[in-house]
């Protein structure tokens, strides 16, 4: 499961907090590269939620809490607004002559789903809304890193194929220095120099790799199977990834 990303902040209970919330939302969604349509919808929804929260009758020192979160796994953007009020919001169906009361009706029409829950502290409530944000569902980003920094759970590109790294250990190379042995989900383990650049992308899980250099003489024998490194770069053909017998 992808790790959810979130940003939280607090706002004063005044009307000027509504445009401030929109501005902060725009900055966050810009960093997450959310599309313009989703951004505009999210701004409308958050504006209504914050507007309702600042109108709640509570002591003046109480603030409004805002949380913006997303998970690439489900492609949903979640907006939460918390206040210290006791009232429970309800969707109204105002008459044609009424100028207000349509806030939650708008939220209900724009959101994929929404709801209300009590705050964990027992004071007040949190009103939340989720929006479909397909731009958040994206392929893992590829990057080039040194072999010594790879982690189990990542995927590494070897000879044109993506392999999942199950475990990583360090050992002395025959030429001295540190080599990394990558246990893969398919095929033999691979030994590469610790400084070898590898093309990797995040998998479903990633844990800290054990890269401690072992004592001298503890290395396994190389079998000299020639091959290209993980996505090699031109002009540096002497680097290689070697198979290691289990």
Protein backbone atom coordinates (compact mmCIF):
# COMPACT_ATOMS: atom_id res chain seq x y z
CA UNK A 1 0.00 0.00 0.00
CA UNK A 2 1.31 3.44 -0.88
CA UNK A 3 2.08 5.68 2.01
CA UNK A 4 -0.54 8.49 2.25
CA UNK A 5 0.80 12.06 2.00
CA UNK A 6 -0.78 14.76 4.13
CA UNK A 7 -0.41 18.36 5.22
CA UNK A 8 -2.06 19.88 8.30
CA UNK A 9 -2.39 23.48 9.45
CA UNK A 10 -4.53 25.65 11.75
CA UNK A 11 -6.48 28.79 10.96
CA UNK A 12 -7.94 31.58 13.07
CA UNK A 13 -11.71 31.78 13.32
CA UNK A 14 -12.20 34.73 10.97
CA UNK A 15 -13.51 35.15 7.44
CA UNK A 16 -10.06 35.95 6.09
CA UNK A 17 -9.09 32.34 6.85
CA UNK A 18 -11.21 31.12 3.93
CA UNK A 19 -9.05 32.62 1.15
CA UNK A 20 -5.96 31.68 3.15
CA UNK A 21 -7.11 28.05 3.21
CA UNK A 22 -7.65 28.17 -0.56
CA UNK A 23 -4.17 29.59 -1.11
CA UNK A 24 -2.54 26.91 1.02
CA UNK A 25 -4.56 24.22 -0.75
CA UNK A 26 -3.44 25.54 -4.13
CA UNK A 27 0.20 25.42 -3.05
CA UNK A 28 -0.10 21.85 -1.77
CA UNK A 29 -1.96 20.53 -4.80
CA UNK A 30 0.52 22.27 -7.06
CA UNK A 31 3.31 20.29 -5.40
CA UNK A 32 1.28 17.12 -5.92
CA UNK A 33 0.66 18.06 -9.58
CA UNK A 34 -3.09 17.76 -9.31
CA UNK A 35 -5.04 18.77 -12.43
CA UNK A 36 -6.82 22.12 -12.72
CA UNK A 37 -10.34 20.63 -12.63
CA UNK A 38 -9.67 18.81 -9.36
CA UNK A 39 -7.96 21.89 -7.93
CA UNK A 40 -10.95 24.12 -8.64
CA UNK A 41 -13.38 21.58 -7.18
CA UNK A 42 -11.21 21.13 -4.10
CA UNK A 43 -11.07 24.90 -3.59
CA UNK A 44 -14.87 25.11 -3.63
CA UNK A 45 -15.28 22.23 -1.20
CA UNK A 46 -12.62 23.44 1.23
CA UNK A 47 -14.01 26.98 1.12
CA UNK A 48 -17.44 25.72 2.18
CA UNK A 49 -16.04 23.53 4.95
CA UNK A 50 -13.85 26.30 6.38
CA UNK A 51 -16.67 28.85 6.08
CA UNK A 52 -18.94 26.62 8.14
CA UNK A 53 -16.21 25.96 10.70
CA UNK A 54 -15.37 29.63 11.36
CA UNK A 55 -19.08 30.34 11.94
CA UNK A 56 -19.35 27.79 14.74
CA UNK A 57 -20.00 29.43 18.11
CA UNK A 58 -17.05 28.49 20.29
CA UNK A 59 -14.59 30.49 22.46
CA UNK A 60 -12.58 32.96 20.38
CA UNK A 61 -9.26 31.28 21.13
CA UNK A 62 -10.38 28.08 19.39
CA UNK A 63 -8.86 27.53 15.97
CA UNK A 64 -9.95 25.60 12.91
CA UNK A 65 -7.86 22.60 11.92
CA UNK A 66 -7.35 21.66 8.26
CA UNK A 67 -5.87 18.47 6.85
CA UNK A 68 -5.19 17.80 3.16
CA UNK A 69 -4.29 14.21 2.33
CA UNK A 70 -3.99 11.84 -0.58
CA UNK A 71 -2.97 8.30 -1.39
CA UNK A 72 -1.74 7.24 -4.82
CA UNK A 73 -3.18 3.79 -4.16
CA UNK A 74 -6.81 4.89 -4.51
CA UNK A 75 -6.53 8.22 -6.32
CA UNK A 76 -8.60 10.11 -3.75
CA UNK A 77 -7.95 13.57 -2.36
CA UNK A 78 -9.24 14.01 1.20
CA UNK A 79 -10.05 17.34 2.83
CA UNK A 80 -10.75 17.56 6.57
CA UNK A 81 -11.82 20.58 8.61
CA UNK A 82 -12.11 20.34 12.40
CA UNK A 83 -13.72 22.70 14.89
CA UNK A 84 -14.59 22.66 18.59
CA UNK A 85 -18.33 23.11 18.14
CA UNK A 86 -20.96 20.69 19.40
CA UNK A 87 -23.39 21.03 16.51
CA UNK A 88 -23.67 18.36 13.82
CA UNK A 89 -23.91 19.71 10.25
CA UNK A 90 -26.84 18.68 8.10
CA UNK A 91 -27.56 19.15 4.42
CA UNK A 92 -30.37 21.66 3.93
CA UNK A 93 -32.64 22.22 0.96
CA UNK A 94 -33.10 26.00 1.11
CA UNK A 95 -35.93 27.73 -0.68
CA UNK A 96 -35.47 29.82 -3.79
CA UNK A 97 -35.63 33.06 -1.80
CA UNK A 98 -32.96 32.03 0.71
CA UNK A 99 -29.46 33.37 0.05
CA UNK A 100 -27.57 30.91 2.25
CA UNK A 101 -27.63 27.37 3.53
CA UNK A 102 -26.33 25.71 0.39
CA UNK A 103 -22.79 25.00 1.56
CA UNK A 104 -23.11 21.32 2.40
CA UNK A 105 -25.47 20.82 -0.53
CA UNK A 106 -22.61 21.97 -2.75
CA UNK A 107 -20.14 19.72 -0.93
CA UNK A 108 -22.45 16.75 -1.36
CA UNK A 109 -22.79 17.40 -5.09
CA UNK A 110 -19.05 17.82 -5.72
CA UNK A 111 -17.50 15.22 -3.43
CA UNK A 112 -17.11 11.53 -4.16
CA UNK A 113 -18.22 11.05 -0.56
CA UNK A 114 -18.26 13.07 2.63
CA UNK A 115 -19.08 12.68 6.29
CA UNK A 116 -18.70 13.86 9.87
CA UNK A 117 -16.99 12.25 12.85
CA UNK A 118 -16.20 13.17 16.42
CA UNK A 119 -12.68 14.34 17.09
CA UNK A 120 -10.40 11.93 18.91
CA UNK A 121 -9.95 14.41 21.77
CA UNK A 122 -13.71 14.33 22.40
CA UNK A 123 -14.19 18.03 21.73
CA UNK A 124 -15.89 19.09 18.52
CA UNK A 125 -16.02 17.34 15.18
CA UNK A 126 -14.29 16.85 11.86
CA UNK A 127 -16.13 17.27 8.57
CA UNK A 128 -14.37 15.50 5.70
CA UNK A 129 -14.83 15.16 1.97
CA UNK A 130 -13.09 12.99 -0.61
CA UNK A 131 -12.66 13.90 -4.26
CA UNK A 132 -11.63 11.68 -7.13
CA UNK A 133 -8.19 12.81 -8.30
CA UNK A 134 -6.94 10.49 -11.06
CA UNK A 135 -3.78 12.58 -11.47
CA UNK A 136 -2.64 11.25 -8.10
CA UNK A 137 -2.48 7.69 -9.45
CA UNK A 138 0.85 7.56 -11.23
CA UNK A 139 3.57 5.09 -12.00
CA UNK A 140 6.47 4.98 -9.53
CA UNK A 141 9.16 7.49 -10.40
CA UNK A 142 12.40 6.01 -11.68
CA UNK A 143 15.69 7.31 -10.30
CA UNK A 144 19.37 6.49 -10.52
CA UNK A 145 21.06 5.80 -7.18
CA UNK A 146 24.21 4.08 -5.94
CA UNK A 147 23.84 0.37 -5.22
CA UNK A 148 24.80 0.93 -1.58
CA UNK A 149 21.58 2.92 -1.05
CA UNK A 150 19.04 0.50 -2.57
CA UNK A 151 16.41 -0.97 -0.26
CA UNK A 152 14.46 -4.24 -0.15
CA UNK A 153 11.07 -3.74 -1.75
CA UNK A 154 12.38 -1.47 -4.49
CA UNK A 155 12.50 -2.58 -8.10
CA UNK A 156 15.75 -2.52 -10.06
CA UNK A 157 16.20 -2.58 -13.83
CA UNK A 158 18.57 -5.36 -14.93
CA UNK A 159 19.16 -6.21 -18.59
CA UNK A 160 15.95 -4.48 -19.63
CA UNK A 161 13.73 -6.18 -17.01
CA UNK A 162 12.36 -4.95 -13.69
CA UNK A 163 13.23 -7.17 -10.72
CA UNK A 164 12.01 -6.75 -7.14
CA UNK A 165 14.76 -6.65 -4.52
CA UNK A 166 14.02 -9.04 -1.65
CA UNK A 167 17.13 -8.41 0.44
CA UNK A 168 20.41 -6.51 0.31
CA UNK A 169 23.70 -7.33 1.98
CA UNK A 170 27.22 -5.96 1.77
CA UNK A 171 30.40 -7.99 1.34
CA UNK A 172 34.01 -7.44 0.33
CA UNK A 173 34.60 -7.57 -3.39
CA UNK A 174 37.52 -9.63 -4.81
CA UNK A 175 39.24 -6.38 -5.78
CA UNK A 176 38.77 -4.85 -2.34
CA UNK A 177 36.15 -2.37 -1.25
CA UNK A 178 32.47 -3.00 -0.75
CA UNK A 179 30.12 -4.91 -3.05
CA UNK A 180 26.36 -5.24 -2.70
CA UNK A 181 24.55 -8.55 -3.18
CA UNK A 182 20.92 -8.15 -4.24
CA UNK A 183 18.57 -11.08 -3.66
CA UNK A 184 15.85 -10.83 -6.29
CA UNK A 185 12.32 -12.16 -6.57
CA UNK A 186 13.22 -14.01 -9.76
CA UNK A 187 16.54 -15.52 -10.82
CA UNK A 188 19.94 -15.62 -9.11
CA UNK A 189 21.24 -12.97 -6.76
CA UNK A 190 23.31 -10.19 -8.30
CA UNK A 191 26.57 -8.67 -7.05
CA UNK A 192 27.43 -5.08 -7.96
CA UNK A 193 29.98 -2.58 -6.77
CA UNK A 194 28.65 -0.42 -3.94
CA UNK A 195 29.09 2.72 -6.04
CA UNK A 196 27.41 1.23 -9.11
CA UNK A 197 24.55 3.45 -10.38
CA UNK A 198 21.29 1.52 -10.56
CA UNK A 199 17.95 2.52 -12.05
CA UNK A 200 15.31 1.84 -9.39
CA UNK A 201 11.72 2.68 -8.55
CA UNK A 202 9.74 2.15 -5.38
CA UNK A 203 7.77 -1.05 -4.97
CA UNK A 204 4.92 -1.74 -2.54
CA UNK A 205 7.25 -2.06 0.43
CA UNK A 206 10.62 -0.60 1.31
CA UNK A 207 12.62 -1.28 4.46
CA UNK A 208 16.08 -0.24 5.51
CA UNK A 209 18.81 -2.26 3.85
CA UNK A 210 21.73 -3.77 5.74
CA UNK A 211 24.78 -2.21 4.11
CA UNK A 212 27.35 -2.84 6.81
CA UNK A 213 30.69 -3.90 5.32
CA UNK A 214 31.50 -7.48 6.41
CA UNK A 215 34.77 -8.75 7.74
CA UNK A 216 37.52 -9.63 5.28
CA UNK A 217 37.29 -13.10 3.81
CA UNK A 218 33.54 -13.41 4.17
CA UNK A 219 32.73 -12.74 0.51
CA UNK A 220 31.23 -15.30 -1.82
CA UNK A 221 32.99 -16.44 -5.00
CA UNK A 222 32.24 -14.61 -8.22
CA UNK A 223 31.27 -16.69 -11.21
CA UNK A 224 32.20 -14.10 -13.78
CA UNK A 225 28.92 -14.06 -15.68
CA UNK A 226 29.23 -11.00 -17.91
CA UNK A 227 26.37 -8.59 -18.22
CA UNK A 228 25.35 -4.99 -18.43
CA UNK A 229 24.78 -3.01 -15.25
CA UNK A 230 21.33 -1.82 -14.33
CA UNK A 231 20.48 0.47 -17.25
CA UNK A 232 24.12 1.42 -18.04
CA UNK A 233 25.07 4.83 -19.31
CA UNK A 234 27.09 5.34 -22.45
CA UNK A 235 30.84 5.76 -22.16
CA UNK A 236 31.23 3.51 -19.11
CA UNK A 237 31.16 -0.06 -20.35
CA UNK A 238 33.51 -1.61 -17.79
CA UNK A 239 30.88 -1.80 -15.06
CA UNK A 240 28.94 -5.03 -14.60
CA UNK A 241 26.38 -6.86 -12.49
CA UNK A 242 27.37 -10.42 -11.69
CA UNK A 243 25.23 -13.40 -10.79
CA UNK A 244 25.82 -15.05 -7.43
CA UNK A 245 25.00 -18.68 -6.80
CA UNK A 246 22.93 -19.25 -3.71
